[in-house]
């Protein structure tokens, strides 16, 4: 968390101190060449924090003598790892350093909640989770969730910039951000890339349920919302490919699909009832 905090401040400095006011024409411009070093430090700290968090997840598994996905604390720290990993992976191909600030904030909030509210000591798994399917099903769900959330962040950025451009030219702080077309395509590609993995996670969960409880599907709250998330993202891809939805409508649908995933992660895990209630709270 300390390293993620350094990354947060570095990216905040990159944005704040790149503003340059021109007294002659009373205009505000962004000069990111002035804060290039701060941006590089932020990216380096994000990478270092990812490595340290990865080590933390591994050590948690070694402490518990199992894969570290048995409760909400473990799922949260691994989810933060997947989210920051998806950002770093996309950063290699796309110019996404502008997302470093919101990603570091989101990861810090997730880790802070996990440490202060969700932490549980290492303990053996409950009987229903003692299966090799735990590593297969949950790892697929965690990776999918991390990429889905990154796609949602891009879609939200699209909607914000779209609303701004309706009123006129972009303000100085938004000039460095990609065009609406690039954001629209990036959000779609992230969802299209990870949707097959989410499909596999849902199917693997059904196979595991049959092995553990003698039925493939029981409309448990978590199963139901996992299916709703699958339908929502399938509708998003269908609308993009067959109907030709682009831009604002597609971004809103992407955010709706992501909200179903977050509802499943937060509400169903903590306050829901059913056979998937393993939060320990």
C-alpha atoms as a PDB file:
ATOM      1  CA  UNK A   1       0.000   0.000   0.000  1.00  0.00           C
ATOM      2  CA  UNK A   2       2.899   2.352   0.710  1.00  0.00           C
ATOM      3  CA  UNK A   3       4.296   1.879  -2.803  1.00  0.00           C
ATOM      4  CA  UNK A   4       0.865   2.315  -4.377  1.00  0.00           C
ATOM      5  CA  UNK A   5       0.592   5.546  -2.369  1.00  0.00           C
ATOM      6  CA  UNK A   6       3.886   6.764  -3.838  1.00  0.00           C
ATOM      7  CA  UNK A   7       2.550   5.916  -7.308  1.00  0.00           C
ATOM      8  CA  UNK A   8      -0.621   7.866  -6.526  1.00  0.00           C
ATOM      9  CA  UNK A   9       1.313  10.988  -5.504  1.00  0.00           C
ATOM     10  CA  UNK A  10       3.655  10.707  -8.492  1.00  0.00           C
ATOM     11  CA  UNK A  11       0.736  10.564 -10.927  1.00  0.00           C
ATOM     12  CA  UNK A  12      -1.033  13.380  -9.063  1.00  0.00           C
ATOM     13  CA  UNK A  13       2.092  15.544  -9.363  1.00  0.00           C
ATOM     14  CA  UNK A  14       2.347  14.628 -13.049  1.00  0.00           C
ATOM     15  CA  UNK A  15      -1.132  16.027 -13.674  1.00  0.00           C
ATOM     16  CA  UNK A  16      -1.049  18.990 -11.271  1.00  0.00           C
ATOM     17  CA  UNK A  17       2.322  20.428 -12.202  1.00  0.00           C
ATOM     18  CA  UNK A  18       1.939  20.008 -15.964  1.00  0.00           C
ATOM     19  CA  UNK A  19      -0.471  22.961 -16.044  1.00  0.00           C
ATOM     20  CA  UNK A  20       1.009  26.062 -17.572  1.00  0.00           C
ATOM     21  CA  UNK A  21      -0.834  29.373 -17.608  1.00  0.00           C
ATOM     22  CA  UNK A  22      -0.162  31.802 -20.407  1.00  0.00           C
ATOM     23  CA  UNK A  23      -0.540  35.308 -19.026  1.00  0.00           C
ATOM     24  CA  UNK A  24      -0.589  36.924 -22.473  1.00  0.00           C
ATOM     25  CA  UNK A  25      -3.780  35.293 -23.750  1.00  0.00           C
ATOM     26  CA  UNK A  26      -5.148  34.035 -20.460  1.00  0.00           C
ATOM     27  CA  UNK A  27      -5.090  30.407 -21.624  1.00  0.00           C
ATOM     28  CA  UNK A  28      -4.284  27.246 -19.704  1.00  0.00           C
ATOM     29  CA  UNK A  29      -2.250  24.537 -21.378  1.00  0.00           C
ATOM     30  CA  UNK A  30      -0.779  21.214 -20.381  1.00  0.00           C
ATOM     31  CA  UNK A  31       2.927  20.676 -20.786  1.00  0.00           C
ATOM     32  CA  UNK A  32       3.561  17.076 -19.792  1.00  0.00           C
ATOM     33  CA  UNK A  33       7.194  17.324 -20.800  1.00  0.00           C
ATOM     34  CA  UNK A  34       7.661  19.197 -17.529  1.00  0.00           C
ATOM     35  CA  UNK A  35       6.404  16.227 -15.500  1.00  0.00           C
ATOM     36  CA  UNK A  36       7.647  13.347 -17.637  1.00  0.00           C
ATOM     37  CA  UNK A  37       9.942  12.209 -14.842  1.00  0.00           C
ATOM     38  CA  UNK A  38       7.104  12.150 -12.322  1.00  0.00           C
ATOM     39  CA  UNK A  39       4.982  10.097 -14.712  1.00  0.00           C
ATOM     40  CA  UNK A  40       7.773   7.603 -15.211  1.00  0.00           C
ATOM     41  CA  UNK A  41       8.232   7.324 -11.445  1.00  0.00           C
ATOM     42  CA  UNK A  42       4.505   6.691 -11.093  1.00  0.00           C
ATOM     43  CA  UNK A  43       4.596   3.879 -13.652  1.00  0.00           C
ATOM     44  CA  UNK A  44       7.691   2.388 -12.046  1.00  0.00           C
ATOM     45  CA  UNK A  45       6.051   2.467  -8.613  1.00  0.00           C
ATOM     46  CA  UNK A  46       2.903   0.849 -10.010  1.00  0.00           C
ATOM     47  CA  UNK A  47       5.054  -1.950 -11.404  1.00  0.00           C
ATOM     48  CA  UNK A  48       6.967  -2.361  -8.131  1.00  0.00           C
ATOM     49  CA  UNK A  49       3.727  -2.314  -6.130  1.00  0.00           C
ATOM     50  CA  UNK A  50       2.284  -4.990  -8.420  1.00  0.00           C
ATOM     51  CA  UNK A  51       5.324  -7.209  -7.802  1.00  0.00           C
ATOM     52  CA  UNK A  52       5.092  -6.702  -4.029  1.00  0.00           C
ATOM     53  CA  UNK A  53       1.348  -7.382  -3.991  1.00  0.00           C
ATOM     54  CA  UNK A  54       1.912 -10.490  -6.080  1.00  0.00           C
ATOM     55  CA  UNK A  55       4.442 -11.658  -3.488  1.00  0.00           C
ATOM     56  CA  UNK A  56       1.937 -10.860  -0.738  1.00  0.00           C
ATOM     57  CA  UNK A  57      -0.715 -13.030  -2.382  1.00  0.00           C
ATOM     58  CA  UNK A  58       1.806 -15.862  -2.770  1.00  0.00           C
ATOM     59  CA  UNK A  59       2.873 -15.627   0.875  1.00  0.00           C
ATOM     60  CA  UNK A  60      -0.755 -15.619   1.990  1.00  0.00           C
ATOM     61  CA  UNK A  61      -1.214 -18.879   0.102  1.00  0.00           C
ATOM     62  CA  UNK A  62       1.913 -20.342   1.690  1.00  0.00           C
ATOM     63  CA  UNK A  63       0.681 -19.280   5.124  1.00  0.00           C
ATOM     64  CA  UNK A  64      -2.689 -20.944   4.591  1.00  0.00           C
ATOM     65  CA  UNK A  65      -1.202 -23.985   2.745  1.00  0.00           C
ATOM     66  CA  UNK A  66      -3.692 -23.519  -0.107  1.00  0.00           C
ATOM     67  CA  UNK A  67      -4.583 -21.165  -2.917  1.00  0.00           C
ATOM     68  CA  UNK A  68      -5.362 -17.759  -1.352  1.00  0.00           C
ATOM     69  CA  UNK A  69      -8.974 -17.372  -2.512  1.00  0.00           C
ATOM     70  CA  UNK A  70     -10.986 -18.713   0.392  1.00  0.00           C
ATOM     71  CA  UNK A  71     -12.588 -15.516   1.735  1.00  0.00           C
ATOM     72  CA  UNK A  72     -13.326 -11.896   0.874  1.00  0.00           C
ATOM     73  CA  UNK A  73      -9.973 -10.616   2.151  1.00  0.00           C
ATOM     74  CA  UNK A  74      -8.052 -12.969  -0.107  1.00  0.00           C
ATOM     75  CA  UNK A  75     -10.336 -12.366  -3.069  1.00  0.00           C
ATOM     76  CA  UNK A  76     -10.000  -8.591  -2.613  1.00  0.00           C
ATOM     77  CA  UNK A  77      -6.203  -8.494  -2.547  1.00  0.00           C
ATOM     78  CA  UNK A  78      -6.039 -10.805  -5.551  1.00  0.00           C
ATOM     79  CA  UNK A  79      -8.664  -8.725  -7.335  1.00  0.00           C
ATOM     80  CA  UNK A  80      -6.588  -5.586  -6.732  1.00  0.00           C
ATOM     81  CA  UNK A  81      -3.615  -7.480  -8.145  1.00  0.00           C
ATOM     82  CA  UNK A  82      -5.597  -8.443 -11.265  1.00  0.00           C
ATOM     83  CA  UNK A  83      -6.880  -4.889 -11.752  1.00  0.00           C
ATOM     84  CA  UNK A  84      -3.440  -3.295 -11.530  1.00  0.00           C
ATOM     85  CA  UNK A  85      -1.992  -6.106 -13.648  1.00  0.00           C
ATOM     86  CA  UNK A  86      -4.565  -5.469 -16.374  1.00  0.00           C
ATOM     87  CA  UNK A  87      -3.634  -1.782 -16.324  1.00  0.00           C
ATOM     88  CA  UNK A  88       0.100  -2.519 -16.598  1.00  0.00           C
ATOM     89  CA  UNK A  89      -0.495  -5.038 -19.381  1.00  0.00           C
ATOM     90  CA  UNK A  90      -2.571  -2.540 -21.375  1.00  0.00           C
ATOM     91  CA  UNK A  91      -0.004   0.172 -20.636  1.00  0.00           C
ATOM     92  CA  UNK A  92       2.561  -1.721 -22.703  1.00  0.00           C
ATOM     93  CA  UNK A  93       0.459  -1.414 -25.864  1.00  0.00           C
ATOM     94  CA  UNK A  94      -1.654   1.689 -25.315  1.00  0.00           C
ATOM     95  CA  UNK A  95      -0.771   5.091 -23.905  1.00  0.00           C
ATOM     96  CA  UNK A  96      -2.778   4.603 -20.720  1.00  0.00           C
ATOM     97  CA  UNK A  97      -0.603   6.391 -18.197  1.00  0.00           C
ATOM     98  CA  UNK A  98      -3.434   8.885 -17.752  1.00  0.00           C
ATOM     99  CA  UNK A  99      -5.299   6.049 -15.996  1.00  0.00           C
ATOM    100  CA  UNK A 100      -2.521   5.632 -13.436  1.00  0.00           C
ATOM    101  CA  UNK A 101      -4.121   8.090 -11.015  1.00  0.00           C
ATOM    102  CA  UNK A 102      -7.639   6.536 -10.879  1.00  0.00           C
ATOM    103  CA  UNK A 103      -6.226   2.992 -10.933  1.00  0.00           C
ATOM    104  CA  UNK A 104      -3.929   3.700  -7.972  1.00  0.00           C
ATOM    105  CA  UNK A 105      -6.854   5.258  -6.066  1.00  0.00           C
ATOM    106  CA  UNK A 106      -9.097   2.247  -6.759  1.00  0.00           C
ATOM    107  CA  UNK A 107      -6.398  -0.233  -5.731  1.00  0.00           C
ATOM    108  CA  UNK A 108      -5.660   1.680  -2.528  1.00  0.00           C
ATOM    109  CA  UNK A 109      -9.349   1.756  -1.614  1.00  0.00           C
ATOM    110  CA  UNK A 110      -9.652  -1.986  -2.271  1.00  0.00           C
ATOM    111  CA  UNK A 111      -6.553  -2.865  -0.266  1.00  0.00           C
ATOM    112  CA  UNK A 112      -7.480  -0.481   2.541  1.00  0.00           C
ATOM    113  CA  UNK A 113     -10.927  -2.052   2.832  1.00  0.00           C
ATOM    114  CA  UNK A 114      -9.418  -5.532   2.713  1.00  0.00           C
ATOM    115  CA  UNK A 115      -6.891  -4.807   5.469  1.00  0.00           C
ATOM    116  CA  UNK A 116      -9.184  -2.863   7.818  1.00  0.00           C
ATOM    117  CA  UNK A 117     -12.596  -4.514   7.370  1.00  0.00           C
ATOM    118  CA  UNK A 118     -12.208  -7.822   5.570  1.00  0.00           C
ATOM    119  CA  UNK A 119      -9.024  -9.267   7.059  1.00  0.00           C
ATOM    120  CA  UNK A 120      -9.237 -12.785   8.455  1.00  0.00           C
ATOM    121  CA  UNK A 121      -6.327 -14.889   9.747  1.00  0.00           C
ATOM    122  CA  UNK A 122      -5.076 -17.758   7.633  1.00  0.00           C
ATOM    123  CA  UNK A 123      -7.285 -20.789   8.112  1.00  0.00           C
ATOM    124  CA  UNK A 124      -8.174 -24.032   6.329  1.00  0.00           C
ATOM    125  CA  UNK A 125     -10.829 -23.991   3.650  1.00  0.00           C
ATOM    126  CA  UNK A 126     -14.425 -24.850   4.370  1.00  0.00           C
ATOM    127  CA  UNK A 127     -15.230 -28.363   3.045  1.00  0.00           C
ATOM    128  CA  UNK A 128     -17.106 -27.135  -0.032  1.00  0.00           C
ATOM    129  CA  UNK A 129     -14.034 -25.232  -1.250  1.00  0.00           C
ATOM    130  CA  UNK A 130     -11.576 -28.117  -0.964  1.00  0.00           C
ATOM    131  CA  UNK A 131     -11.276 -28.832  -4.661  1.00  0.00           C
ATOM    132  CA  UNK A 132      -8.895 -28.239  -7.538  1.00  0.00           C
ATOM    133  CA  UNK A 133     -11.734 -26.295  -9.129  1.00  0.00           C
ATOM    134  CA  UNK A 134     -11.064 -23.500  -6.637  1.00  0.00           C
ATOM    135  CA  UNK A 135      -7.842 -22.580  -8.418  1.00  0.00           C
ATOM    136  CA  UNK A 136      -9.430 -22.936 -11.858  1.00  0.00           C
ATOM    137  CA  UNK A 137     -12.787 -21.245 -11.318  1.00  0.00           C
ATOM    138  CA  UNK A 138     -11.787 -18.429  -8.982  1.00  0.00           C
ATOM    139  CA  UNK A 139      -8.597 -17.471 -10.824  1.00  0.00           C
ATOM    140  CA  UNK A 140     -10.572 -17.126 -14.062  1.00  0.00           C
ATOM    141  CA  UNK A 141     -13.177 -14.994 -12.281  1.00  0.00           C
ATOM    142  CA  UNK A 142     -10.543 -12.738 -10.693  1.00  0.00           C
ATOM    143  CA  UNK A 143      -8.672 -12.087 -13.938  1.00  0.00           C
ATOM    144  CA  UNK A 144     -11.958 -11.441 -15.744  1.00  0.00           C
ATOM    145  CA  UNK A 145     -13.045  -9.003 -13.057  1.00  0.00           C
ATOM    146  CA  UNK A 146      -9.801  -7.048 -13.247  1.00  0.00           C
ATOM    147  CA  UNK A 147     -10.081  -6.567 -17.013  1.00  0.00           C
ATOM    148  CA  UNK A 148     -13.809  -5.802 -16.819  1.00  0.00           C
ATOM    149  CA  UNK A 149     -13.145  -3.033 -14.294  1.00  0.00           C
ATOM    150  CA  UNK A 150     -10.420  -1.565 -16.494  1.00  0.00           C
ATOM    151  CA  UNK A 151     -12.860  -1.548 -19.435  1.00  0.00           C
ATOM    152  CA  UNK A 152     -15.395   0.217 -17.211  1.00  0.00           C
ATOM    153  CA  UNK A 153     -12.847   2.887 -16.284  1.00  0.00           C
ATOM    154  CA  UNK A 154     -12.208   3.515 -19.981  1.00  0.00           C
ATOM    155  CA  UNK A 155     -15.958   3.618 -20.725  1.00  0.00           C
ATOM    156  CA  UNK A 156     -16.527   6.090 -17.884  1.00  0.00           C
ATOM    157  CA  UNK A 157     -13.744   8.287 -19.265  1.00  0.00           C
ATOM    158  CA  UNK A 158     -15.438   8.185 -22.655  1.00  0.00           C
ATOM    159  CA  UNK A 159     -18.747   9.390 -21.198  1.00  0.00           C
ATOM    160  CA  UNK A 160     -17.068  12.224 -19.290  1.00  0.00           C
ATOM    161  CA  UNK A 161     -15.170  13.455 -22.345  1.00  0.00           C
ATOM    162  CA  UNK A 162     -18.208  13.024 -24.581  1.00  0.00           C
ATOM    163  CA  UNK A 163     -20.250  15.277 -22.300  1.00  0.00           C
ATOM    164  CA  UNK A 164     -17.429  17.843 -22.239  1.00  0.00           C
ATOM    165  CA  UNK A 165     -17.063  17.888 -26.023  1.00  0.00           C
ATOM    166  CA  UNK A 166     -20.794  18.485 -26.413  1.00  0.00           C
ATOM    167  CA  UNK A 167     -20.261  21.886 -24.803  1.00  0.00           C
ATOM    168  CA  UNK A 168     -17.232  22.839 -26.847  1.00  0.00           C
ATOM    169  CA  UNK A 169     -13.499  22.128 -27.149  1.00  0.00           C
ATOM    170  CA  UNK A 170     -11.801  20.053 -24.499  1.00  0.00           C
ATOM    171  CA  UNK A 171     -10.374  21.938 -21.518  1.00  0.00           C
ATOM    172  CA  UNK A 172      -6.637  21.927 -20.940  1.00  0.00           C
ATOM    173  CA  UNK A 173      -6.627  19.010 -18.523  1.00  0.00           C
ATOM    174  CA  UNK A 174      -8.335  16.731 -21.093  1.00  0.00           C
ATOM    175  CA  UNK A 175      -6.181  17.561 -24.094  1.00  0.00           C
ATOM    176  CA  UNK A 176      -3.742  14.752 -23.433  1.00  0.00           C
ATOM    177  CA  UNK A 177      -6.424  12.059 -23.178  1.00  0.00           C
ATOM    178  CA  UNK A 178      -7.090   9.824 -26.213  1.00  0.00           C
ATOM    179  CA  UNK A 179      -9.818  10.589 -28.721  1.00  0.00           C
ATOM    180  CA  UNK A 180     -13.344   9.298 -28.158  1.00  0.00           C
ATOM    181  CA  UNK A 181     -12.892   6.782 -30.957  1.00  0.00           C
ATOM    182  CA  UNK A 182      -9.767   5.319 -29.349  1.00  0.00           C
ATOM    183  CA  UNK A 183     -11.486   5.046 -25.956  1.00  0.00           C
ATOM    184  CA  UNK A 184     -14.527   3.390 -27.547  1.00  0.00           C
ATOM    185  CA  UNK A 185     -12.384   0.808 -29.326  1.00  0.00           C
ATOM    186  CA  UNK A 186     -10.207   0.126 -26.284  1.00  0.00           C
ATOM    187  CA  UNK A 187     -13.191  -0.551 -24.021  1.00  0.00           C
ATOM    188  CA  UNK A 188     -14.623  -2.948 -26.597  1.00  0.00           C
ATOM    189  CA  UNK A 189     -11.349  -4.784 -27.104  1.00  0.00           C
ATOM    190  CA  UNK A 190     -10.837  -5.310 -23.377  1.00  0.00           C
ATOM    191  CA  UNK A 191     -14.319  -6.804 -22.971  1.00  0.00           C
ATOM    192  CA  UNK A 192     -14.020  -8.937 -26.114  1.00  0.00           C
ATOM    193  CA  UNK A 193     -10.628 -10.204 -24.939  1.00  0.00           C
ATOM    194  CA  UNK A 194     -11.781 -11.363 -21.504  1.00  0.00           C
ATOM    195  CA  UNK A 195     -15.412 -12.375 -22.131  1.00  0.00           C
ATOM    196  CA  UNK A 196     -14.487 -15.959 -23.163  1.00  0.00           C
ATOM    197  CA  UNK A 197     -12.570 -16.311 -19.887  1.00  0.00           C
ATOM    198  CA  UNK A 198     -15.625 -15.148 -17.913  1.00  0.00           C
ATOM    199  CA  UNK A 199     -17.736 -17.674 -19.847  1.00  0.00           C
ATOM    200  CA  UNK A 200     -15.274 -20.368 -18.853  1.00  0.00           C
ATOM    201  CA  UNK A 201     -15.412 -19.211 -15.206  1.00  0.00           C
ATOM    202  CA  UNK A 202     -19.214 -19.552 -15.133  1.00  0.00           C
ATOM    203  CA  UNK A 203     -19.102 -23.009 -16.736  1.00  0.00           C
ATOM    204  CA  UNK A 204     -16.299 -24.146 -14.417  1.00  0.00           C
ATOM    205  CA  UNK A 205     -18.337 -22.963 -11.440  1.00  0.00           C
ATOM    206  CA  UNK A 206     -21.294 -25.055 -12.597  1.00  0.00           C
ATOM    207  CA  UNK A 207     -19.095 -28.144 -12.959  1.00  0.00           C
ATOM    208  CA  UNK A 208     -17.659 -27.536  -9.491  1.00  0.00           C
ATOM    209  CA  UNK A 209     -21.167 -27.104  -8.047  1.00  0.00           C
ATOM    210  CA  UNK A 210     -22.176 -30.482  -9.421  1.00  0.00           C
ATOM    211  CA  UNK A 211     -19.126 -32.068  -7.820  1.00  0.00           C
ATOM    212  CA  UNK A 212     -19.637 -30.344  -4.448  1.00  0.00           C
ATOM    213  CA  UNK A 213     -23.428 -30.157  -4.134  1.00  0.00           C
ATOM    214  CA  UNK A 214     -24.765 -32.636  -6.671  1.00  0.00           C
ATOM    215  CA  UNK A 215     -26.310 -30.062  -9.036  1.00  0.00           C
ATOM    216  CA  UNK A 216     -24.953 -27.871 -11.791  1.00  0.00           C
ATOM    217  CA  UNK A 217     -27.137 -24.850 -11.147  1.00  0.00           C
ATOM    218  CA  UNK A 218     -29.283 -23.868  -8.179  1.00  0.00           C
ATOM    219  CA  UNK A 219     -29.964 -20.146  -8.737  1.00  0.00           C
ATOM    220  CA  UNK A 220     -27.926 -19.279  -5.680  1.00  0.00           C
ATOM    221  CA  UNK A 221     -27.597 -15.447  -5.454  1.00  0.00           C
ATOM    222  CA  UNK A 222     -23.960 -15.516  -6.563  1.00  0.00           C
ATOM    223  CA  UNK A 223     -24.699 -17.906  -9.403  1.00  0.00           C
ATOM    224  CA  UNK A 224     -27.608 -15.749 -10.495  1.00  0.00           C
ATOM    225  CA  UNK A 225     -25.612 -12.531 -10.532  1.00  0.00           C
ATOM    226  CA  UNK A 226     -22.688 -14.209 -12.292  1.00  0.00           C
ATOM    227  CA  UNK A 227     -25.145 -15.214 -15.000  1.00  0.00           C
ATOM    228  CA  UNK A 228     -26.619 -11.680 -15.105  1.00  0.00           C
ATOM    229  CA  UNK A 229     -23.098 -10.301 -15.601  1.00  0.00           C
ATOM    230  CA  UNK A 230     -22.527 -12.786 -18.411  1.00  0.00           C
ATOM    231  CA  UNK A 231     -25.799 -11.785 -20.105  1.00  0.00           C
ATOM    232  CA  UNK A 232     -25.013  -8.060 -19.716  1.00  0.00           C
ATOM    233  CA  UNK A 233     -21.569  -8.336 -21.300  1.00  0.00           C
ATOM    234  CA  UNK A 234     -22.930 -10.681 -23.987  1.00  0.00           C
ATOM    235  CA  UNK A 235     -25.553  -8.037 -24.782  1.00  0.00           C
ATOM    236  CA  UNK A 236     -22.795  -5.416 -24.973  1.00  0.00           C
ATOM    237  CA  UNK A 237     -20.773  -7.485 -27.446  1.00  0.00           C
ATOM    238  CA  UNK A 238     -23.895  -8.387 -29.427  1.00  0.00           C
ATOM    239  CA  UNK A 239     -24.902  -4.739 -29.655  1.00  0.00           C
ATOM    240  CA  UNK A 240     -21.425  -3.783 -30.834  1.00  0.00           C
ATOM    241  CA  UNK A 241     -21.009  -6.523 -33.432  1.00  0.00           C
ATOM    242  CA  UNK A 242     -24.492  -7.044 -34.888  1.00  0.00           C
ATOM    243  CA  UNK A 243     -26.420  -3.828 -34.224  1.00  0.00           C
ATOM    244  CA  UNK A 244     -23.442  -1.528 -34.611  1.00  0.00           C
ATOM    245  CA  UNK A 245     -23.712   0.285 -31.306  1.00  0.00           C
ATOM    246  CA  UNK A 246     -20.864   2.676 -30.752  1.00  0.00           C
ATOM    247  CA  UNK A 247     -20.018   5.560 -28.522  1.00  0.00           C
ATOM    248  CA  UNK A 248     -22.336   6.697 -25.773  1.00  0.00           C
ATOM    249  CA  UNK A 249     -24.843   3.847 -25.867  1.00  0.00           C
ATOM    250  CA  UNK A 250     -22.125   1.215 -25.853  1.00  0.00           C
ATOM    251  CA  UNK A 251     -20.301   2.944 -22.985  1.00  0.00           C
ATOM    252  CA  UNK A 252     -23.445   3.066 -20.851  1.00  0.00           C
ATOM    253  CA  UNK A 253     -24.120  -0.617 -21.524  1.00  0.00           C
ATOM    254  CA  UNK A 254     -20.540  -1.464 -20.583  1.00  0.00           C
ATOM    255  CA  UNK A 255     -20.931   0.425 -17.298  1.00  0.00           C
ATOM    256  CA  UNK A 256     -24.211  -1.353 -16.581  1.00  0.00           C
ATOM    257  CA  UNK A 257     -22.557  -4.734 -17.130  1.00  0.00           C
ATOM    258  CA  UNK A 258     -19.690  -3.732 -14.852  1.00  0.00           C
ATOM    259  CA  UNK A 259     -22.123  -2.607 -12.146  1.00  0.00           C
ATOM    260  CA  UNK A 260     -23.619  -6.109 -12.053  1.00  0.00           C
ATOM    261  CA  UNK A 261     -20.145  -7.527 -11.426  1.00  0.00           C
ATOM    262  CA  UNK A 262     -19.479  -5.021  -8.631  1.00  0.00           C
ATOM    263  CA  UNK A 263     -22.871  -5.748  -7.065  1.00  0.00           C
ATOM    264  CA  UNK A 264     -22.035  -9.439  -7.056  1.00  0.00           C
ATOM    265  CA  UNK A 265     -18.608  -8.779  -5.559  1.00  0.00           C
ATOM    266  CA  UNK A 266     -19.704  -6.348  -2.838  1.00  0.00           C
ATOM    267  CA  UNK A 267     -23.333  -6.895  -1.895  1.00  0.00           C
ATOM    268  CA  UNK A 268     -23.802 -10.616  -2.578  1.00  0.00           C
ATOM    269  CA  UNK A 269     -20.491 -11.570  -0.969  1.00  0.00           C
ATOM    270  CA  UNK A 270     -20.965  -9.499   2.192  1.00  0.00           C
ATOM    271  CA  UNK A 271     -24.707  -9.200   2.774  1.00  0.00           C
ATOM    272  CA  UNK A 272     -26.087 -11.978   0.608  1.00  0.00           C
ATOM    273  CA  UNK A 273     -27.086 -15.434   1.733  1.00  0.00           C
ATOM    274  CA  UNK A 274     -26.457 -18.734   0.060  1.00  0.00           C
ATOM    275  CA  UNK A 275     -23.845 -21.396  -0.413  1.00  0.00           C
ATOM    276  CA  UNK A 276     -21.347 -18.921  -1.793  1.00  0.00           C
ATOM    277  CA  UNK A 277     -21.174 -16.820   1.375  1.00  0.00           C
ATOM    278  CA  UNK A 278     -17.543 -17.290   2.324  1.00  0.00           C
ATOM    279  CA  UNK A 279     -16.659 -13.728   3.334  1.00  0.00           C
ATOM    280  CA  UNK A 280     -16.201 -14.674   6.984  1.00  0.00           C
ATOM    281  CA  UNK A 281     -17.993 -11.501   8.058  1.00  0.00           C
END
